[in-house]
All heavy atoms as atom14 arrays in JSON, in Angstrom:
{
  "sequence": "YGVGHEDEGICLLLQIGDRRILFDCGLSNLKPFQDLSVPPAELVFCS",
  "atom14_mask": [
    [1, 1, 1, 1, 1, 1, 1, 1, 1, 1, 1, 1, 0, 0],
    [1, 1, 1, 1, 0, 0, 0, 0, 0, 0, 0, 0, 0, 0],
    [1, 1, 1, 1, 1, 1, 1, 0, 0, 0, 0, 0, 0, 0],
    [1, 1, 1, 1, 0, 0, 0, 0, 0, 0, 0, 0, 0, 0],
    [1, 1, 1, 1, 1, 1, 1, 1, 1, 1, 0, 0, 0, 0],
    [1, 1, 1, 1, 1, 1, 1, 1, 1, 0, 0, 0, 0, 0],
    [1, 1, 1, 1, 1, 1, 1, 1, 0, 0, 0, 0, 0, 0],
    [1, 1, 1, 1, 1, 1, 1, 1, 1, 0, 0, 0, 0, 0],
    [1, 1, 1, 1, 0, 0, 0, 0, 0, 0, 0, 0, 0, 0],
    [1, 1, 1, 1, 1, 1, 1, 1, 0, 0, 0, 0, 0, 0],
    [1, 1, 1, 1, 1, 1, 0, 0, 0, 0, 0, 0, 0, 0],
    [1, 1, 1, 1, 1, 1, 1, 1, 0, 0, 0, 0, 0, 0],
    [1, 1, 1, 1, 1, 1, 1, 1, 0, 0, 0, 0, 0, 0],
    [1, 1, 1, 1, 1, 1, 1, 1, 0, 0, 0, 0, 0, 0],
    [1, 1, 1, 1, 1, 1, 1, 1, 1, 0, 0, 0, 0, 0],
    [1, 1, 1, 1, 1, 1, 1, 1, 0, 0, 0, 0, 0, 0],
    [1, 1, 1, 1, 0, 0, 0, 0, 0, 0, 0, 0, 0, 0],
    [1, 1, 1, 1, 1, 1, 1, 1, 0, 0, 0, 0, 0, 0],
    [1, 1, 1, 1, 1, 1, 1, 1, 1, 1, 1, 0, 0, 0],
    [1, 1, 1, 1, 1, 1, 1, 1, 1, 1, 1, 0, 0, 0],
    [1, 1, 1, 1, 1, 1, 1, 1, 0, 0, 0, 0, 0, 0],
    [1, 1, 1, 1, 1, 1, 1, 1, 0, 0, 0, 0, 0, 0],
    [1, 1, 1, 1, 1, 1, 1, 1, 1, 1, 1, 0, 0, 0],
    [1, 1, 1, 1, 1, 1, 1, 1, 0, 0, 0, 0, 0, 0],
    [1, 1, 1, 1, 1, 1, 0, 0, 0, 0, 0, 0, 0, 0],
    [1, 1, 1, 1, 0, 0, 0, 0, 0, 0, 0, 0, 0, 0],
    [1, 1, 1, 1, 1, 1, 1, 1, 0, 0, 0, 0, 0, 0],
    [1, 1, 1, 1, 1, 1, 0, 0, 0, 0, 0, 0, 0, 0],
    [1, 1, 1, 1, 1, 1, 1, 1, 0, 0, 0, 0, 0, 0],
    [1, 1, 1, 1, 1, 1, 1, 1, 0, 0, 0, 0, 0, 0],
    [1, 1, 1, 1, 1, 1, 1, 1, 1, 0, 0, 0, 0, 0],
    [1, 1, 1, 1, 1, 1, 1, 0, 0, 0, 0, 0, 0, 0],
    [1, 1, 1, 1, 1, 1, 1, 1, 1, 1, 1, 0, 0, 0],
    [1, 1, 1, 1, 1, 1, 1, 1, 1, 0, 0, 0, 0, 0],
    [1, 1, 1, 1, 1, 1, 1, 1, 0, 0, 0, 0, 0, 0],
    [1, 1, 1, 1, 1, 1, 1, 1, 0, 0, 0, 0, 0, 0],
    [1, 1, 1, 1, 1, 1, 0, 0, 0, 0, 0, 0, 0, 0],
    [1, 1, 1, 1, 1, 1, 1, 0, 0, 0, 0, 0, 0, 0],
    [1, 1, 1, 1, 1, 1, 1, 0, 0, 0, 0, 0, 0, 0],
    [1, 1, 1, 1, 1, 1, 1, 0, 0, 0, 0, 0, 0, 0],
    [1, 1, 1, 1, 1, 0, 0, 0, 0, 0, 0, 0, 0, 0],
    [1, 1, 1, 1, 1, 1, 1, 1, 1, 0, 0, 0, 0, 0],
    [1, 1, 1, 1, 1, 1, 1, 1, 0, 0, 0, 0, 0, 0],
    [1, 1, 1, 1, 1, 1, 1, 0, 0, 0, 0, 0, 0, 0],
    [1, 1, 1, 1, 1, 1, 1, 1, 1, 1, 1, 0, 0, 0],
    [1, 1, 1, 1, 1, 1, 0, 0, 0, 0, 0, 0, 0, 0],
    [1, 1, 1, 1, 1, 1, 0, 0, 0, 0, 0, 0, 0, 0]
  ],
  "atom14_positions": [
    [[73.83, 86.87, 83.99], [74.0, 88.38, 83.92], [74.7, 88.71, 82.56], [74.33, 89.79, 82.11], [74.85, 88.81, 85.06], [74.17, 88.6, 86.42], [74.58, 87.65, 87.35], [73.12, 89.49, 86.81], [73.95, 87.46, 88.68], [72.51, 89.39, 88.09], [72.92, 88.36, 88.84], [72.33, 88.29, 90.12], [0.0, 0.0, 0.0], [0.0, 0.0, 0.0]],
    [[75.53, 87.86, 82.08], [76.23, 88.13, 80.77], [76.63, 86.79, 80.24], [77.3, 86.0, 80.85], [0.0, 0.0, 0.0], [0.0, 0.0, 0.0], [0.0, 0.0, 0.0], [0.0, 0.0, 0.0], [0.0, 0.0, 0.0], [0.0, 0.0, 0.0], [0.0, 0.0, 0.0], [0.0, 0.0, 0.0], [0.0, 0.0, 0.0], [0.0, 0.0, 0.0]],
    [[76.27, 86.52, 79.0], [76.58, 85.25, 78.36], [77.64, 85.44, 77.22], [78.07, 84.49, 76.57], [75.39, 84.51, 77.77], [74.53, 84.09, 78.84], [74.71, 85.39, 76.8], [0.0, 0.0, 0.0], [0.0, 0.0, 0.0], [0.0, 0.0, 0.0], [0.0, 0.0, 0.0], [0.0, 0.0, 0.0], [0.0, 0.0, 0.0], [0.0, 0.0, 0.0]],
    [[78.16, 86.63, 76.89], [79.21, 86.86, 75.95], [78.7, 86.68, 74.47], [79.58, 86.26, 73.66], [0.0, 0.0, 0.0], [0.0, 0.0, 0.0], [0.0, 0.0, 0.0], [0.0, 0.0, 0.0], [0.0, 0.0, 0.0], [0.0, 0.0, 0.0], [0.0, 0.0, 0.0], [0.0, 0.0, 0.0], [0.0, 0.0, 0.0], [0.0, 0.0, 0.0]],
    [[77.5, 87.01, 74.19], [77.09, 87.01, 72.79], [77.76, 88.06, 71.95], [78.14, 87.86, 70.85], [75.6, 87.18, 72.63], [74.75, 85.92, 73.06], [73.46, 85.9, 73.25], [75.19, 84.66, 73.25], [73.01, 84.7, 73.62], [74.08, 83.98, 73.63], [0.0, 0.0, 0.0], [0.0, 0.0, 0.0], [0.0, 0.0, 0.0], [0.0, 0.0, 0.0]],
    [[77.94, 89.2, 72.56], [78.6, 90.32, 71.83], [79.84, 90.71, 72.71], [80.66, 90.0, 72.8], [77.6, 91.5, 71.66], [76.4, 91.12, 70.84], [76.73, 90.82, 69.38], [77.86, 91.23, 68.92], [75.98, 90.11, 68.72], [0.0, 0.0, 0.0], [0.0, 0.0, 0.0], [0.0, 0.0, 0.0], [0.0, 0.0, 0.0], [0.0, 0.0, 0.0]],
    [[79.8, 91.97, 73.3], [80.91, 92.41, 74.09], [80.5, 92.63, 75.47], [81.2, 93.39, 76.25], [81.53, 93.66, 73.37], [80.56, 94.79, 73.34], [79.3, 94.58, 73.64], [80.85, 95.93, 72.86], [0.0, 0.0, 0.0], [0.0, 0.0, 0.0], [0.0, 0.0, 0.0], [0.0, 0.0, 0.0], [0.0, 0.0, 0.0], [0.0, 0.0, 0.0]],
    [[79.37, 92.09, 76.01], [78.92, 92.33, 77.29], [79.7, 91.61, 78.33], [79.69, 91.85, 79.52], [77.41, 91.98, 77.44], [77.06, 90.47, 77.52], [76.9, 89.9, 76.12], [77.34, 90.51, 75.13], [76.34, 88.78, 76.01], [0.0, 0.0, 0.0], [0.0, 0.0, 0.0], [0.0, 0.0, 0.0], [0.0, 0.0, 0.0], [0.0, 0.0, 0.0]],
    [[80.51, 90.58, 77.95], [81.34, 89.87, 78.9], [80.46, 88.68, 79.51], [79.26, 88.51, 79.29], [0.0, 0.0, 0.0], [0.0, 0.0, 0.0], [0.0, 0.0, 0.0], [0.0, 0.0, 0.0], [0.0, 0.0, 0.0], [0.0, 0.0, 0.0], [0.0, 0.0, 0.0], [0.0, 0.0, 0.0], [0.0, 0.0, 0.0], [0.0, 0.0, 0.0]],
    [[81.24, 87.85, 80.28], [80.62, 86.65, 80.91], [80.41, 86.9, 82.39], [81.31, 87.4, 83.07], [81.57, 85.46, 80.75], [81.67, 85.07, 79.27], [81.15, 84.25, 81.58], [80.41, 84.32, 78.78], [0.0, 0.0, 0.0], [0.0, 0.0, 0.0], [0.0, 0.0, 0.0], [0.0, 0.0, 0.0], [0.0, 0.0, 0.0], [0.0, 0.0, 0.0]],
    [[79.22, 86.62, 82.95], [78.99, 86.61, 84.31], [77.79, 85.74, 84.61], [76.67, 86.02, 84.15], [78.69, 88.07, 84.76], [78.51, 88.25, 86.56], [0.0, 0.0, 0.0], [0.0, 0.0, 0.0], [0.0, 0.0, 0.0], [0.0, 0.0, 0.0], [0.0, 0.0, 0.0], [0.0, 0.0, 0.0], [0.0, 0.0, 0.0], [0.0, 0.0, 0.0]],
    [[78.01, 84.62, 85.31], [76.98, 83.57, 85.53], [76.86, 83.25, 87.01], [77.84, 83.13, 87.69], [77.35, 82.29, 84.67], [77.71, 82.45, 83.26], [78.39, 81.17, 82.69], [76.56, 82.82, 82.38], [0.0, 0.0, 0.0], [0.0, 0.0, 0.0], [0.0, 0.0, 0.0], [0.0, 0.0, 0.0], [0.0, 0.0, 0.0], [0.0, 0.0, 0.0]],
    [[75.68, 83.2, 87.49], [75.39, 82.86, 88.91], [74.85, 81.5, 88.96], [73.77, 81.16, 88.53], [74.46, 83.87, 89.54], [74.13, 83.64, 90.93], [75.31, 83.83, 91.87], [73.0, 84.57, 91.46], [0.0, 0.0, 0.0], [0.0, 0.0, 0.0], [0.0, 0.0, 0.0], [0.0, 0.0, 0.0], [0.0, 0.0, 0.0], [0.0, 0.0, 0.0]],
    [[75.66, 80.56, 89.58], [75.24, 79.14, 89.73], [74.63, 79.05, 91.14], [75.27, 79.48, 92.15], [76.48, 78.24, 89.7], [76.17, 76.83, 90.04], [75.28, 76.14, 88.88], [77.46, 76.0, 90.25], [0.0, 0.0, 0.0], [0.0, 0.0, 0.0], [0.0, 0.0, 0.0], [0.0, 0.0, 0.0], [0.0, 0.0, 0.0], [0.0, 0.0, 0.0]],
    [[73.37, 78.53, 91.25], [72.8, 78.12, 92.51], [72.85, 76.57, 92.52], [72.21, 75.92, 91.68], [71.48, 78.62, 92.73], [70.85, 78.19, 94.09], [69.61, 78.89, 94.52], [69.25, 79.88, 93.97], [68.98, 78.48, 95.54], [0.0, 0.0, 0.0], [0.0, 0.0, 0.0], [0.0, 0.0, 0.0], [0.0, 0.0, 0.0], [0.0, 0.0, 0.0]],
    [[73.44, 76.01, 93.59], [73.39, 74.62, 93.69], [73.19, 74.31, 95.21], [73.9, 74.6, 96.1], [74.77, 73.99, 93.31], [74.78, 72.46, 93.36], [75.97, 74.64, 93.9], [75.89, 71.79, 92.7], [0.0, 0.0, 0.0], [0.0, 0.0, 0.0], [0.0, 0.0, 0.0], [0.0, 0.0, 0.0], [0.0, 0.0, 0.0], [0.0, 0.0, 0.0]],
    [[71.95, 73.72, 95.49], [71.52, 73.61, 96.9], [71.22, 75.09, 97.35], [70.59, 75.9, 96.72], [0.0, 0.0, 0.0], [0.0, 0.0, 0.0], [0.0, 0.0, 0.0], [0.0, 0.0, 0.0], [0.0, 0.0, 0.0], [0.0, 0.0, 0.0], [0.0, 0.0, 0.0], [0.0, 0.0, 0.0], [0.0, 0.0, 0.0], [0.0, 0.0, 0.0]],
    [[71.77, 75.28, 98.63], [71.64, 76.67, 99.12], [72.93, 77.42, 98.91], [73.12, 78.41, 99.57], [71.26, 76.59, 100.61], [72.33, 75.78, 101.43], [73.22, 75.24, 100.81], [72.26, 75.77, 102.68], [0.0, 0.0, 0.0], [0.0, 0.0, 0.0], [0.0, 0.0, 0.0], [0.0, 0.0, 0.0], [0.0, 0.0, 0.0], [0.0, 0.0, 0.0]],
    [[73.78, 76.99, 98.03], [75.08, 77.67, 97.73], [75.03, 78.44, 96.4], [74.28, 78.03, 95.51], [76.25, 76.7, 97.67], [76.38, 75.78, 98.9], [76.76, 76.55, 100.08], [77.0, 75.77, 101.24], [77.28, 76.16, 102.46], [77.43, 77.55, 102.71], [77.52, 75.34, 103.52], [0.0, 0.0, 0.0], [0.0, 0.0, 0.0], [0.0, 0.0, 0.0]],
    [[75.64, 79.66, 96.43], [75.63, 80.47, 95.2], [77.06, 80.83, 94.81], [77.79, 81.32, 95.68], [74.84, 81.71, 95.44], [73.28, 81.45, 95.71], [72.6, 82.58, 96.33], [72.48, 83.81, 95.58], [71.43, 83.99, 94.75], [70.52, 83.12, 94.62], [71.45, 85.11, 94.09], [0.0, 0.0, 0.0], [0.0, 0.0, 0.0], [0.0, 0.0, 0.0]],
    [[77.45, 80.6, 93.6], [78.79, 80.84, 93.14], [78.63, 81.65, 91.83], [77.93, 81.4, 90.93], [79.51, 79.57, 92.87], [79.62, 78.66, 94.08], [80.94, 79.88, 92.27], [80.25, 77.32, 93.81], [0.0, 0.0, 0.0], [0.0, 0.0, 0.0], [0.0, 0.0, 0.0], [0.0, 0.0, 0.0], [0.0, 0.0, 0.0], [0.0, 0.0, 0.0]],
    [[79.48, 82.68, 91.83], [79.52, 83.59, 90.59], [80.71, 83.18, 89.72], [81.86, 83.26, 90.13], [79.66, 85.05, 90.97], [79.24, 86.13, 89.96], [77.71, 85.99, 89.7], [79.58, 87.53, 90.52], [0.0, 0.0, 0.0], [0.0, 0.0, 0.0], [0.0, 0.0, 0.0], [0.0, 0.0, 0.0], [0.0, 0.0, 0.0], [0.0, 0.0, 0.0]],
    [[80.37, 82.82, 88.5], [81.48, 82.37, 87.47], [81.8, 83.62, 86.68], [80.99, 84.13, 85.91], [80.97, 81.28, 86.56], [80.8, 79.92, 87.25], [79.84, 79.11, 86.84], [81.5, 79.6, 88.34], [79.62, 77.85, 87.42], [81.34, 78.37, 88.92], [80.48, 77.49, 88.48], [0.0, 0.0, 0.0], [0.0, 0.0, 0.0], [0.0, 0.0, 0.0]],
    [[83.02, 84.18, 86.96], [83.47, 85.34, 86.23], [82.65, 86.59, 86.38], [81.5, 86.54, 86.88], [83.65, 84.97, 84.73], [84.78, 84.04, 84.33], [85.78, 84.18, 85.01], [84.67, 83.28, 83.43], [0.0, 0.0, 0.0], [0.0, 0.0, 0.0], [0.0, 0.0, 0.0], [0.0, 0.0, 0.0], [0.0, 0.0, 0.0], [0.0, 0.0, 0.0]],
    [[83.3, 87.74, 86.03], [82.6, 89.01, 86.13], [83.19, 89.95, 85.02], [84.1, 90.79, 85.31], [82.62, 89.67, 87.43], [81.56, 91.09, 87.57], [0.0, 0.0, 0.0], [0.0, 0.0, 0.0], [0.0, 0.0, 0.0], [0.0, 0.0, 0.0], [0.0, 0.0, 0.0], [0.0, 0.0, 0.0], [0.0, 0.0, 0.0], [0.0, 0.0, 0.0]],
    [[82.81, 89.75, 83.81], [83.3, 90.54, 82.65], [82.43, 91.72, 82.36], [82.6, 92.35, 81.32], [0.0, 0.0, 0.0], [0.0, 0.0, 0.0], [0.0, 0.0, 0.0], [0.0, 0.0, 0.0], [0.0, 0.0, 0.0], [0.0, 0.0, 0.0], [0.0, 0.0, 0.0], [0.0, 0.0, 0.0], [0.0, 0.0, 0.0], [0.0, 0.0, 0.0]],
    [[81.45, 91.94, 83.3], [80.57, 93.16, 83.07], [81.23, 94.44, 83.07], [82.12, 94.71, 83.87], [79.44, 93.12, 84.13], [78.59, 91.91, 84.19], [77.62, 91.96, 85.31], [77.89, 91.5, 82.93], [0.0, 0.0, 0.0], [0.0, 0.0, 0.0], [0.0, 0.0, 0.0], [0.0, 0.0, 0.0], [0.0, 0.0, 0.0], [0.0, 0.0, 0.0]],
    [[80.85, 95.37, 82.17], [81.44, 96.72, 82.11], [80.88, 97.58, 83.2], [81.52, 98.56, 83.54], [81.25, 97.38, 80.76], [79.9, 97.42, 80.45], [0.0, 0.0, 0.0], [0.0, 0.0, 0.0], [0.0, 0.0, 0.0], [0.0, 0.0, 0.0], [0.0, 0.0, 0.0], [0.0, 0.0, 0.0], [0.0, 0.0, 0.0], [0.0, 0.0, 0.0]],
    [[79.79, 97.28, 83.75], [79.21, 97.99, 84.88], [78.46, 97.0, 85.79], [78.06, 95.9, 85.34], [78.32, 99.12, 84.53], [77.07, 98.7, 83.86], [76.05, 98.18, 84.53], [76.93, 98.81, 82.56], [0.0, 0.0, 0.0], [0.0, 0.0, 0.0], [0.0, 0.0, 0.0], [0.0, 0.0, 0.0], [0.0, 0.0, 0.0], [0.0, 0.0, 0.0]],
    [[78.29, 97.34, 87.11], [77.74, 96.42, 88.03], [76.3, 96.83, 88.41], [75.79, 96.6, 89.47], [78.56, 96.45, 89.37], [79.98, 95.96, 89.2], [80.68, 95.79, 90.53], [80.05, 94.54, 88.4], [0.0, 0.0, 0.0], [0.0, 0.0, 0.0], [0.0, 0.0, 0.0], [0.0, 0.0, 0.0], [0.0, 0.0, 0.0], [0.0, 0.0, 0.0]],
    [[75.54, 97.37, 87.39], [74.16, 97.74, 87.59], [73.35, 96.62, 88.2], [72.53, 96.83, 89.1], [73.59, 98.33, 86.31], [72.21, 98.91, 86.51], [71.71, 99.5, 85.24], [70.33, 100.06, 85.41], [69.8, 100.71, 84.13], [0.0, 0.0, 0.0], [0.0, 0.0, 0.0], [0.0, 0.0, 0.0], [0.0, 0.0, 0.0], [0.0, 0.0, 0.0]],
    [[73.53, 95.4, 87.71], [72.62, 94.23, 88.34], [72.87, 94.04, 89.79], [71.96, 93.47, 90.43], [73.16, 93.02, 87.58], [73.72, 93.58, 86.29], [74.38, 94.89, 86.62], [0.0, 0.0, 0.0], [0.0, 0.0, 0.0], [0.0, 0.0, 0.0], [0.0, 0.0, 0.0], [0.0, 0.0, 0.0], [0.0, 0.0, 0.0], [0.0, 0.0, 0.0]],
    [[74.02, 94.54, 90.38], [74.28, 94.25, 91.78], [74.26, 95.54, 92.66], [74.36, 95.5, 93.85], [75.63, 93.73, 91.95], [75.92, 92.56, 91.09], [76.99, 92.51, 90.18], [75.17, 91.36, 91.11], [77.25, 91.34, 89.4], [75.41, 90.27, 90.37], [76.5, 90.25, 89.54], [0.0, 0.0, 0.0], [0.0, 0.0, 0.0], [0.0, 0.0, 0.0]],
    [[73.85, 96.66, 92.05], [74.04, 97.95, 92.77], [73.02, 98.1, 93.9], [73.31, 98.86, 94.89], [73.92, 99.13, 91.87], [72.62, 99.31, 91.12], [72.53, 100.47, 90.18], [73.63, 101.01, 89.79], [71.41, 100.82, 89.77], [0.0, 0.0, 0.0], [0.0, 0.0, 0.0], [0.0, 0.0, 0.0], [0.0, 0.0, 0.0], [0.0, 0.0, 0.0]],
    [[71.85, 97.46, 93.83], [70.89, 97.59, 94.91], [70.96, 96.53, 95.99], [70.13, 96.45, 96.87], [69.49, 97.58, 94.28], [69.23, 98.89, 93.47], [69.89, 99.86, 93.66], [68.54, 98.7, 92.39], [0.0, 0.0, 0.0], [0.0, 0.0, 0.0], [0.0, 0.0, 0.0], [0.0, 0.0, 0.0], [0.0, 0.0, 0.0], [0.0, 0.0, 0.0]],
    [[71.95, 95.66, 95.85], [72.06, 94.58, 96.83], [72.75, 95.07, 98.09], [73.82, 95.78, 98.0], [72.89, 93.42, 96.22], [72.27, 92.66, 94.93], [73.27, 91.58, 94.61], [70.92, 92.15, 95.25], [0.0, 0.0, 0.0], [0.0, 0.0, 0.0], [0.0, 0.0, 0.0], [0.0, 0.0, 0.0], [0.0, 0.0, 0.0], [0.0, 0.0, 0.0]],
    [[72.3, 94.63, 99.24], [72.87, 95.03, 100.47], [73.75, 93.87, 101.02], [74.54, 94.04, 101.92], [71.75, 95.25, 101.56], [70.94, 94.13, 101.72], [0.0, 0.0, 0.0], [0.0, 0.0, 0.0], [0.0, 0.0, 0.0], [0.0, 0.0, 0.0], [0.0, 0.0, 0.0], [0.0, 0.0, 0.0], [0.0, 0.0, 0.0], [0.0, 0.0, 0.0]],
    [[73.63, 92.72, 100.4], [74.49, 91.58, 100.71], [75.17, 91.03, 99.41], [74.67, 91.36, 98.31], [73.68, 90.42, 101.42], [73.05, 90.86, 102.73], [72.52, 89.93, 100.43], [0.0, 0.0, 0.0], [0.0, 0.0, 0.0], [0.0, 0.0, 0.0], [0.0, 0.0, 0.0], [0.0, 0.0, 0.0], [0.0, 0.0, 0.0], [0.0, 0.0, 0.0]],
    [[76.25, 90.28, 99.54], [76.86, 89.81, 98.34], [76.04, 88.9, 97.47], [75.15, 88.2, 98.07], [78.11, 89.09, 98.9], [78.35, 89.64, 100.23], [77.04, 90.08, 100.75], [0.0, 0.0, 0.0], [0.0, 0.0, 0.0], [0.0, 0.0, 0.0], [0.0, 0.0, 0.0], [0.0, 0.0, 0.0], [0.0, 0.0, 0.0], [0.0, 0.0, 0.0]],
    [[76.12, 88.89, 96.19], [75.21, 88.11, 95.35], [75.62, 86.6, 95.42], [74.78, 85.83, 95.03], [75.58, 88.68, 93.94], [76.9, 89.27, 94.01], [77.03, 89.8, 95.37], [0.0, 0.0, 0.0], [0.0, 0.0, 0.0], [0.0, 0.0, 0.0], [0.0, 0.0, 0.0], [0.0, 0.0, 0.0], [0.0, 0.0, 0.0], [0.0, 0.0, 0.0]],
    [[76.71, 86.36, 95.91], [77.23, 84.89, 95.95], [78.19, 84.71, 97.15], [78.65, 85.67, 97.83], [77.91, 84.52, 94.7], [0.0, 0.0, 0.0], [0.0, 0.0, 0.0], [0.0, 0.0, 0.0], [0.0, 0.0, 0.0], [0.0, 0.0, 0.0], [0.0, 0.0, 0.0], [0.0, 0.0, 0.0], [0.0, 0.0, 0.0], [0.0, 0.0, 0.0]],
    [[78.35, 83.47, 97.47], [79.3, 83.11, 98.66], [80.81, 83.29, 98.16], [81.67, 83.52, 99.02], [79.05, 81.74, 99.12], [77.7, 81.59, 99.83], [77.46, 80.16, 100.25], [78.31, 79.7, 100.93], [76.43, 79.59, 99.76], [0.0, 0.0, 0.0], [0.0, 0.0, 0.0], [0.0, 0.0, 0.0], [0.0, 0.0, 0.0], [0.0, 0.0, 0.0]],
    [[81.01, 83.12, 96.87], [82.36, 83.26, 96.3], [82.25, 83.5, 94.87], [81.27, 83.33, 94.17], [83.19, 81.96, 96.55], [82.75, 80.67, 95.87], [83.5, 80.47, 94.58], [82.99, 79.5, 96.76], [0.0, 0.0, 0.0], [0.0, 0.0, 0.0], [0.0, 0.0, 0.0], [0.0, 0.0, 0.0], [0.0, 0.0, 0.0], [0.0, 0.0, 0.0]],
    [[83.36, 84.04, 94.24], [83.44, 84.31, 92.88], [84.67, 83.5, 92.35], [85.74, 83.34, 92.97], [83.75, 85.79, 92.59], [83.83, 86.06, 91.07], [82.68, 86.69, 93.25], [0.0, 0.0, 0.0], [0.0, 0.0, 0.0], [0.0, 0.0, 0.0], [0.0, 0.0, 0.0], [0.0, 0.0, 0.0], [0.0, 0.0, 0.0], [0.0, 0.0, 0.0]],
    [[84.47, 83.02, 91.15], [85.61, 82.23, 90.53], [85.97, 83.06, 89.2], [85.0, 83.18, 88.34], [85.22, 80.86, 90.19], [86.15, 80.16, 89.13], [87.5, 79.91, 89.48], [85.66, 79.84, 87.86], [88.23, 79.29, 88.5], [86.47, 79.23, 86.88], [87.8, 78.92, 87.24], [0.0, 0.0, 0.0], [0.0, 0.0, 0.0], [0.0, 0.0, 0.0]],
    [[87.14, 83.37, 89.03], [87.6, 84.03, 87.8], [88.42, 82.96, 86.97], [89.43, 82.47, 87.43], [88.51, 85.26, 88.07], [89.25, 86.04, 86.66], [0.0, 0.0, 0.0], [0.0, 0.0, 0.0], [0.0, 0.0, 0.0], [0.0, 0.0, 0.0], [0.0, 0.0, 0.0], [0.0, 0.0, 0.0], [0.0, 0.0, 0.0], [0.0, 0.0, 0.0]],
    [[87.82, 82.67, 85.75], [88.48, 81.57, 85.02], [89.82, 82.0, 84.36], [90.74, 81.16, 84.26], [87.58, 81.14, 83.84], [87.29, 82.24, 82.99], [0.0, 0.0, 0.0], [0.0, 0.0, 0.0], [0.0, 0.0, 0.0], [0.0, 0.0, 0.0], [0.0, 0.0, 0.0], [0.0, 0.0, 0.0], [0.0, 0.0, 0.0], [0.0, 0.0, 0.0]]
  ]
}
């Protein structure tokens, strides 16, 4: 979602097996998630 090339921040979604983990959320807006009815991941890790 964001790799931090400029000032967009870091936000990475890891899928491993049937588990999904969000690494950081430095996004300035949550447009990528606004249409979701369920959480994008089972947990979030803030580094």
